[in-house]
PDB file of all heavy atoms in Angstrom:
ATOM      1  N   LEU A   1     122.395 128.846  74.047  1.00  0.00           N
ATOM      2  CA  LEU A   1     123.587 129.570  74.481  1.00  0.00           C
ATOM      3  C   LEU A   1     123.704 130.861  73.696  1.00  0.00           C
ATOM      4  O   LEU A   1     123.822 130.847  72.460  1.00  0.00           O
ATOM      5  CB  LEU A   1     124.841 128.708  74.263  1.00  0.00           C
ATOM      6  CG  LEU A   1     126.189 129.389  74.536  1.00  0.00           C
ATOM      7  CD1 LEU A   1     126.326 129.731  76.020  1.00  0.00           C
ATOM      8  CD2 LEU A   1     127.336 128.501  74.071  1.00  0.00           C
ATOM      9  N   THR A   2     123.665 131.981  74.407  1.00  0.00           N
ATOM     10  CA  THR A   2     123.926 133.271  73.777  1.00  0.00           C
ATOM     11  C   THR A   2     125.353 133.695  74.128  1.00  0.00           C
ATOM     12  O   THR A   2     126.084 132.969  74.795  1.00  0.00           O
ATOM     13  CB  THR A   2     122.909 134.323  74.263  1.00  0.00           C
ATOM     14  OG1 THR A   2     123.069 134.515  75.684  1.00  0.00           O
ATOM     15  CG2 THR A   2     121.480 133.868  73.980  1.00  0.00           C
ATOM     16  N   GLN A   3     125.724 134.872  73.698  1.00  0.00           N
ATOM     17  CA  GLN A   3     127.090 135.330  73.952  1.00  0.00           C
ATOM     18  C   GLN A   3     127.377 135.465  75.437  1.00  0.00           C
ATOM     19  O   GLN A   3     128.474 135.178  75.894  1.00  0.00           O
ATOM     20  CB  GLN A   3     127.333 136.684  73.257  1.00  0.00           C
ATOM     21  CG  GLN A   3     127.558 136.596  71.763  1.00  0.00           C
ATOM     22  CD  GLN A   3     128.964 136.136  71.415  1.00  0.00           C
ATOM     23  OE1 GLN A   3     129.754 135.807  72.297  1.00  0.00           O
ATOM     24  NE2 GLN A   3     129.294 136.109  70.129  1.00  0.00           N
ATOM     25  N   ASP A   4     126.382 135.886  76.202  1.00  0.00           N
ATOM     26  CA  ASP A   4     126.650 136.206  77.604  1.00  0.00           C
ATOM     27  C   ASP A   4     125.922 135.330  78.604  1.00  0.00           C
ATOM     28  O   ASP A   4     126.022 135.553  79.808  1.00  0.00           O
ATOM     29  CB  ASP A   4     126.293 137.672  77.893  1.00  0.00           C
ATOM     30  CG  ASP A   4     124.819 137.963  77.659  1.00  0.00           C
ATOM     31  OD1 ASP A   4     124.155 137.152  76.982  1.00  0.00           O
ATOM     32  OD2 ASP A   4     124.336 139.002  78.148  1.00  0.00           O
ATOM     33  N   ALA A   5     125.159 134.338  78.134  1.00  0.00           N
ATOM     34  CA  ALA A   5     124.408 133.520  79.099  1.00  0.00           C
ATOM     35  C   ALA A   5     124.056 132.170  78.487  1.00  0.00           C
ATOM     36  O   ALA A   5     123.955 132.017  77.266  1.00  0.00           O
ATOM     37  CB  ALA A   5     123.137 134.234  79.540  1.00  0.00           C
ATOM     38  N   LEU A   6     123.887 131.185  79.370  1.00  0.00           N
ATOM     39  CA  LEU A   6     123.380 129.875  78.999  1.00  0.00           C
ATOM     40  C   LEU A   6     121.977 129.765  79.576  1.00  0.00           C
ATOM     41  O   LEU A   6     121.781 129.869  80.790  1.00  0.00           O
ATOM     42  CB  LEU A   6     124.270 128.770  79.562  1.00  0.00           C
ATOM     43  CG  LEU A   6     123.762 127.331  79.419  1.00  0.00           C
ATOM     44  CD1 LEU A   6     123.622 126.949  77.946  1.00  0.00           C
ATOM     45  CD2 LEU A   6     124.691 126.357  80.141  1.00  0.00           C
ATOM     46  N   TRP A   7     120.991 129.534  78.721  1.00  0.00           N
ATOM     47  CA  TRP A   7     119.592 129.463  79.123  1.00  0.00           C
ATOM     48  C   TRP A   7     119.137 128.013  79.030  1.00  0.00           C
ATOM     49  O   TRP A   7     119.043 127.452  77.933  1.00  0.00           O
ATOM     50  CB  TRP A   7     118.737 130.350  78.219  1.00  0.00           C
ATOM     51  CG  TRP A   7     119.166 131.785  78.191  1.00  0.00           C
ATOM     52  CD1 TRP A   7     120.103 132.360  77.390  1.00  0.00           C
ATOM     53  CD2 TRP A   7     118.686 132.818  79.042  1.00  0.00           C
ATOM     54  NE1 TRP A   7     120.238 133.694  77.672  1.00  0.00           N
ATOM     55  CE2 TRP A   7     119.375 134.014  78.678  1.00  0.00           C
ATOM     56  CE3 TRP A   7     117.740 132.869  80.057  1.00  0.00           C
ATOM     57  CZ2 TRP A   7     119.149 135.225  79.315  1.00  0.00           C
ATOM     58  CZ3 TRP A   7     117.508 134.085  80.689  1.00  0.00           C
ATOM     59  CH2 TRP A   7     118.202 135.237  80.320  1.00  0.00           C
ATOM     60  N   LEU A   8     118.843 127.384  80.164  1.00  0.00           N
ATOM     61  CA  LEU A   8     118.423 125.994  80.200  1.00  0.00           C
ATOM     62  C   LEU A   8     116.952 125.910  80.607  1.00  0.00           C
ATOM     63  O   LEU A   8     116.544 126.556  81.585  1.00  0.00           O
ATOM     64  CB  LEU A   8     119.271 125.193  81.188  1.00  0.00           C
ATOM     65  CG  LEU A   8     120.765 125.075  80.860  1.00  0.00           C
ATOM     66  CD1 LEU A   8     121.490 124.313  81.967  1.00  0.00           C
ATOM     67  CD2 LEU A   8     120.985 124.387  79.518  1.00  0.00           C
ATOM     68  N   VAL A   9     116.175 125.107  79.885  1.00  0.00           N
ATOM     69  CA  VAL A   9     114.753 124.945  80.193  1.00  0.00           C
ATOM     70  C   VAL A   9     114.638 124.381  81.611  1.00  0.00           C
ATOM     71  O   VAL A   9     115.201 123.331  81.922  1.00  0.00           O
ATOM     72  CB  VAL A   9     114.076 124.016  79.174  1.00  0.00           C
ATOM     73  CG1 VAL A   9     112.602 123.820  79.528  1.00  0.00           C
ATOM     74  CG2 VAL A   9     114.209 124.602  77.760  1.00  0.00           C
ATOM     75  N   SER A  10     113.921 125.066  82.463  1.00  0.00           N
ATOM     76  CA  SER A  10     114.000 124.816  83.906  1.00  0.00           C
ATOM     77  C   SER A  10     113.585 123.398  84.294  1.00  0.00           C
ATOM     78  O   SER A  10     114.302 122.721  85.031  1.00  0.00           O
ATOM     79  CB  SER A  10     113.152 125.846  84.662  1.00  0.00           C
ATOM     80  OG  SER A  10     111.804 125.808  84.215  1.00  0.00           O
ATOM     81  N   LYS A  11     112.432 122.923  83.833  1.00  0.00           N
ATOM     82  CA  LYS A  11     111.979 121.596  84.255  1.00  0.00           C
ATOM     83  C   LYS A  11     112.885 120.508  83.705  1.00  0.00           C
ATOM     84  O   LYS A  11     113.206 119.532  84.396  1.00  0.00           O
ATOM     85  CB  LYS A  11     110.538 121.349  83.802  1.00  0.00           C
ATOM     86  CG  LYS A  11     109.959 120.051  84.374  1.00  0.00           C
ATOM     87  CD  LYS A  11     108.512 119.850  83.982  1.00  0.00           C
ATOM     88  CE  LYS A  11     107.907 118.650  84.715  1.00  0.00           C
ATOM     89  NZ  LYS A  11     108.695 117.428  84.583  1.00  0.00           N
ATOM     90  N   THR A  12     113.336 120.663  82.483  1.00  0.00           N
ATOM     91  CA  THR A  12     114.226 119.659  81.886  1.00  0.00           C
ATOM     92  C   THR A  12     115.512 119.516  82.682  1.00  0.00           C
ATOM     93  O   THR A  12     115.939 118.407  83.021  1.00  0.00           O
ATOM     94  CB  THR A  12     114.557 120.039  80.437  1.00  0.00           C
ATOM     95  OG1 THR A  12     113.354 120.068  79.668  1.00  0.00           O
ATOM     96  CG2 THR A  12     115.515 119.029  79.812  1.00  0.00           C
ATOM     97  N   VAL A  13     116.134 120.638  82.998  1.00  0.00           N
ATOM     98  CA  VAL A  13     117.413 120.571  83.704  1.00  0.00           C
ATOM     99  C   VAL A  13     117.229 120.021  85.108  1.00  0.00           C
ATOM    100  O   VAL A  13     118.058 119.250  85.610  1.00  0.00           O
ATOM    101  CB  VAL A  13     118.108 121.948  83.729  1.00  0.00           C
ATOM    102  CG1 VAL A  13     117.366 122.946  84.587  1.00  0.00           C
ATOM    103  CG2 VAL A  13     119.539 121.826  84.230  1.00  0.00           C
ATOM    104  N   SER A  14     116.132 120.367  85.774  1.00  0.00           N
ATOM    105  CA  SER A  14     115.903 119.870  87.124  1.00  0.00           C
ATOM    106  C   SER A  14     115.691 118.362  87.132  1.00  0.00           C
ATOM    107  O   SER A  14     116.318 117.635  87.908  1.00  0.00           O
ATOM    108  CB  SER A  14     114.691 120.575  87.741  1.00  0.00           C
ATOM    109  OG  SER A  14     114.428 120.078  89.028  1.00  0.00           O
ATOM    110  N   ASP A  15     114.818 117.871  86.259  1.00  0.00           N
ATOM    111  CA  ASP A  15     114.524 116.436  86.216  1.00  0.00           C
ATOM    112  C   ASP A  15     115.758 115.625  85.852  1.00  0.00           C
ATOM    113  O   ASP A  15     116.067 114.604  86.480  1.00  0.00           O
ATOM    114  CB  ASP A  15     113.411 116.154  85.209  1.00  0.00           C
ATOM    115  CG  ASP A  15     112.054 116.671  85.676  1.00  0.00           C
ATOM    116  OD1 ASP A  15     111.933 116.984  86.879  1.00  0.00           O
ATOM    117  OD2 ASP A  15     111.130 116.776  84.843  1.00  0.00           O
ATOM    118  N   LYS A  16     116.472 116.052  84.831  1.00  0.00           N
ATOM    119  CA  LYS A  16     117.619 115.271  84.366  1.00  0.00           C
ATOM    120  C   LYS A  16     118.801 115.367  85.324  1.00  0.00           C
ATOM    121  O   LYS A  16     119.539 114.393  85.504  1.00  0.00           O
ATOM    122  CB  LYS A  16     118.020 115.711  82.954  1.00  0.00           C
ATOM    123  CG  LYS A  16     116.984 115.357  81.896  1.00  0.00           C
ATOM    124  CD  LYS A  16     117.482 115.631  80.488  1.00  0.00           C
ATOM    125  CE  LYS A  16     116.469 115.169  79.442  1.00  0.00           C
ATOM    126  NZ  LYS A  16     116.943 115.402  78.049  1.00  0.00           N
ATOM    127  N   LEU A  17     119.000 116.533  85.936  1.00  0.00           N
ATOM    128  CA  LEU A  17     120.094 116.676  86.893  1.00  0.00           C
ATOM    129  C   LEU A  17     119.833 115.828  88.129  1.00  0.00           C
ATOM    130  O   LEU A  17     120.739 115.140  88.624  1.00  0.00           O
ATOM    131  CB  LEU A  17     120.262 118.140  87.290  1.00  0.00           C
ATOM    132  CG  LEU A  17     121.366 118.455  88.300  1.00  0.00           C
ATOM    133  CD1 LEU A  17     122.728 118.028  87.765  1.00  0.00           C
ATOM    134  CD2 LEU A  17     121.379 119.942  88.653  1.00  0.00           C
ATOM    135  N   ARG A  18     118.597 115.833  88.625  1.00  0.00           N
ATOM    136  CA  ARG A  18     118.264 115.012  89.782  1.00  0.00           C
ATOM    137  C   ARG A  18     118.469 113.533  89.472  1.00  0.00           C
ATOM    138  O   ARG A  18     119.078 112.792  90.249  1.00  0.00           O
ATOM    139  CB  ARG A  18     116.817 115.245  90.208  1.00  0.00           C
ATOM    140  CG  ARG A  18     116.423 114.452  91.447  1.00  0.00           C
ATOM    141  CD  ARG A  18     114.920 114.446  91.684  1.00  0.00           C
ATOM    142  NE  ARG A  18     114.399 115.781  91.915  1.00  0.00           N
ATOM    143  CZ  ARG A  18     113.633 116.432  91.032  1.00  0.00           C
ATOM    144  NH1 ARG A  18     113.326 115.864  89.870  1.00  0.00           N
ATOM    145  NH2 ARG A  18     113.189 117.642  91.299  1.00  0.00           N
ATOM    146  N   ALA A  19     117.975 113.097  88.310  1.00  0.00           N
ATOM    147  CA  ALA A  19     118.114 111.688  87.943  1.00  0.00           C
ATOM    148  C   ALA A  19     119.577 111.285  87.808  1.00  0.00           C
ATOM    149  O   ALA A  19     119.996 110.224  88.280  1.00  0.00           O
ATOM    150  CB  ALA A  19     117.384 111.426  86.624  1.00  0.00           C
ATOM    151  N   HIS A  20     120.379 112.149  87.188  1.00  0.00           N
ATOM    152  CA  HIS A  20     121.804 111.831  87.003  1.00  0.00           C
ATOM    153  C   HIS A  20     122.515 111.707  88.347  1.00  0.00           C
ATOM    154  O   HIS A  20     123.281 110.749  88.572  1.00  0.00           O
ATOM    155  CB  HIS A  20     122.464 112.911  86.150  1.00  0.00           C
ATOM    156  CG  HIS A  20     123.960 112.825  86.110  1.00  0.00           C
ATOM    157  ND1 HIS A  20     124.634 111.838  85.419  1.00  0.00           N
ATOM    158  CD2 HIS A  20     124.929 113.590  86.696  1.00  0.00           C
ATOM    159  CE1 HIS A  20     125.936 111.998  85.568  1.00  0.00           C
ATOM    160  NE2 HIS A  20     126.136 113.051  86.339  1.00  0.00           N
ATOM    161  N   LEU A  21     122.272 112.635  89.262  1.00  0.00           N
ATOM    162  CA  LEU A  21     122.968 112.607  90.548  1.00  0.00           C
ATOM    163  C   LEU A  21     122.511 111.428  91.401  1.00  0.00           C
ATOM    164  O   LEU A  21     123.327 110.800  92.088  1.00  0.00           O
ATOM    165  CB  LEU A  21     122.747 113.924  91.286  1.00  0.00           C
ATOM    166  CG  LEU A  21     123.373 115.161  90.622  1.00  0.00           C
ATOM    167  CD1 LEU A  21     123.062 116.420  91.434  1.00  0.00           C
ATOM    168  CD2 LEU A  21     124.874 115.006  90.462  1.00  0.00           C
ATOM    169  N   LEU A  22     121.224 111.118  91.382  1.00  0.00           N
ATOM    170  CA  LEU A  22     120.748 109.966  92.139  1.00  0.00           C
ATOM    171  C   LEU A  22     121.343 108.667  91.604  1.00  0.00           C
ATOM    172  O   LEU A  22     121.686 107.761  92.360  1.00  0.00           O
ATOM    173  CB  LEU A  22     119.219 109.894  92.090  1.00  0.00           C
ATOM    174  CG  LEU A  22     118.470 110.964  92.900  1.00  0.00           C
ATOM    175  CD1 LEU A  22     116.979 110.884  92.638  1.00  0.00           C
ATOM    176  CD2 LEU A  22     118.763 110.832  94.388  1.00  0.00           C
ATOM    177  N   GLN A  23     121.491 108.566  90.274  1.00  0.00           N
ATOM    178  CA  GLN A  23     122.105 107.381  89.688  1.00  0.00           C
ATOM    179  C   GLN A  23     123.575 107.253  90.076  1.00  0.00           C
ATOM    180  O   GLN A  23     124.119 106.147  90.100  1.00  0.00           O
ATOM    181  CB  GLN A  23     121.960 107.429  88.163  1.00  0.00           C
ATOM    182  CG  GLN A  23     120.536 107.195  87.687  1.00  0.00           C
ATOM    183  CD  GLN A  23     120.343 107.514  86.219  1.00  0.00           C
ATOM    184  OE1 GLN A  23     121.291 107.920  85.534  1.00  0.00           O
ATOM    185  NE2 GLN A  23     119.130 107.348  85.720  1.00  0.00           N
ATOM    186  N   GLN A  24     124.213 108.377  90.399  1.00  0.00           N
ATOM    187  CA  GLN A  24     125.603 108.353  90.841  1.00  0.00           C
ATOM    188  C   GLN A  24     125.721 108.094  92.342  1.00  0.00           C
ATOM    189  O   GLN A  24     126.823 108.097  92.890  1.00  0.00           O
ATOM    190  CB  GLN A  24     126.301 109.692  90.507  1.00  0.00           C
ATOM    191  CG  GLN A  24     126.270 110.070  89.039  1.00  0.00           C
ATOM    192  CD  GLN A  24     126.895 109.024  88.163  1.00  0.00           C
ATOM    193  OE1 GLN A  24     128.002 108.581  88.425  1.00  0.00           O
ATOM    194  NE2 GLN A  24     126.182 108.610  87.113  1.00  0.00           N
ATOM    195  N   GLY A  25     124.590 107.908  93.013  1.00  0.00           N
ATOM    196  CA  GLY A  25     124.612 107.674  94.456  1.00  0.00           C
ATOM    197  C   GLY A  25     124.752 108.939  95.271  1.00  0.00           C
ATOM    198  O   GLY A  25     125.121 108.899  96.437  1.00  0.00           O
ATOM    199  N   ILE A  26     124.439 110.088  94.670  1.00  0.00           N
ATOM    200  CA  ILE A  26     124.579 111.379  95.350  1.00  0.00           C
ATOM    201  C   ILE A  26     123.212 111.792  95.875  1.00  0.00           C
ATOM    202  O   ILE A  26     122.266 111.951  95.105  1.00  0.00           O
ATOM    203  CB  ILE A  26     125.132 112.455  94.401  1.00  0.00           C
ATOM    204  CG1 ILE A  26     126.532 112.058  93.918  1.00  0.00           C
ATOM    205  CG2 ILE A  26     125.160 113.819  95.075  1.00  0.00           C
ATOM    206  CD1 ILE A  26     127.061 112.927  92.811  1.00  0.00           C
ATOM    207  N   ASP A  27     123.113 111.958  97.194  1.00  0.00           N
ATOM    208  CA  ASP A  27     121.860 112.338  97.809  1.00  0.00           C
ATOM    209  C   ASP A  27     121.863 113.824  98.155  1.00  0.00           C
ATOM    210  O   ASP A  27     122.836 114.522  97.940  1.00  0.00           O
ATOM    211  CB  ASP A  27     121.625 111.508  99.078  1.00  0.00           C
ATOM    212  CG  ASP A  27     121.426 110.039  98.750  1.00  0.00           C
ATOM    213  OD1 ASP A  27     120.700 109.753  97.793  1.00  0.00           O
ATOM    214  OD2 ASP A  27     122.007 109.196  99.446  1.00  0.00           O
ATOM    215  N   GLY A  28     120.753 114.269  98.719  1.00  0.00           N
ATOM    216  CA  GLY A  28     120.634 115.665  99.107  1.00  0.00           C
ATOM    217  C   GLY A  28     119.988 116.519  98.041  1.00  0.00           C
ATOM    218  O   GLY A  28     119.898 117.733  98.189  1.00  0.00           O
ATOM    219  N   ILE A  29     119.519 115.909  96.928  1.00  0.00           N
ATOM    220  CA  ILE A  29     118.857 116.661  95.878  1.00  0.00           C
ATOM    221  C   ILE A  29     117.359 116.626  96.157  1.00  0.00           C
ATOM    222  O   ILE A  29     116.755 115.556  96.167  1.00  0.00           O
ATOM    223  CB  ILE A  29     119.141 116.058  94.481  1.00  0.00           C
ATOM    224  CG1 ILE A  29     120.646 115.837  94.303  1.00  0.00           C
ATOM    225  CG2 ILE A  29     118.577 116.942  93.386  1.00  0.00           C
ATOM    226  CD1 ILE A  29     121.470 117.093  94.445  1.00  0.00           C
ATOM    227  N   PRO A  30     116.724 117.766  96.384  1.00  0.00           N
ATOM    228  CA  PRO A  30     115.296 117.759  96.738  1.00  0.00           C
ATOM    229  C   PRO A  30     114.437 117.171  95.626  1.00  0.00           C
ATOM    230  O   PRO A  30     114.761 117.267  94.439  1.00  0.00           O
ATOM    231  CB  PRO A  30     114.986 119.245  96.962  1.00  0.00           C
ATOM    232  CG  PRO A  30     116.308 119.895  97.206  1.00  0.00           C
ATOM    233  CD  PRO A  30     117.306 119.114  96.416  1.00  0.00           C
TER     234      PRO A  30
END
């Protein structure tokens, strides 16, 4: 996190976000 932006490692955020949403029963995530 810098003063003007949040920089998230792309593969990490994609894998973990997909897994979290699928575990919540939320579909539509490619």
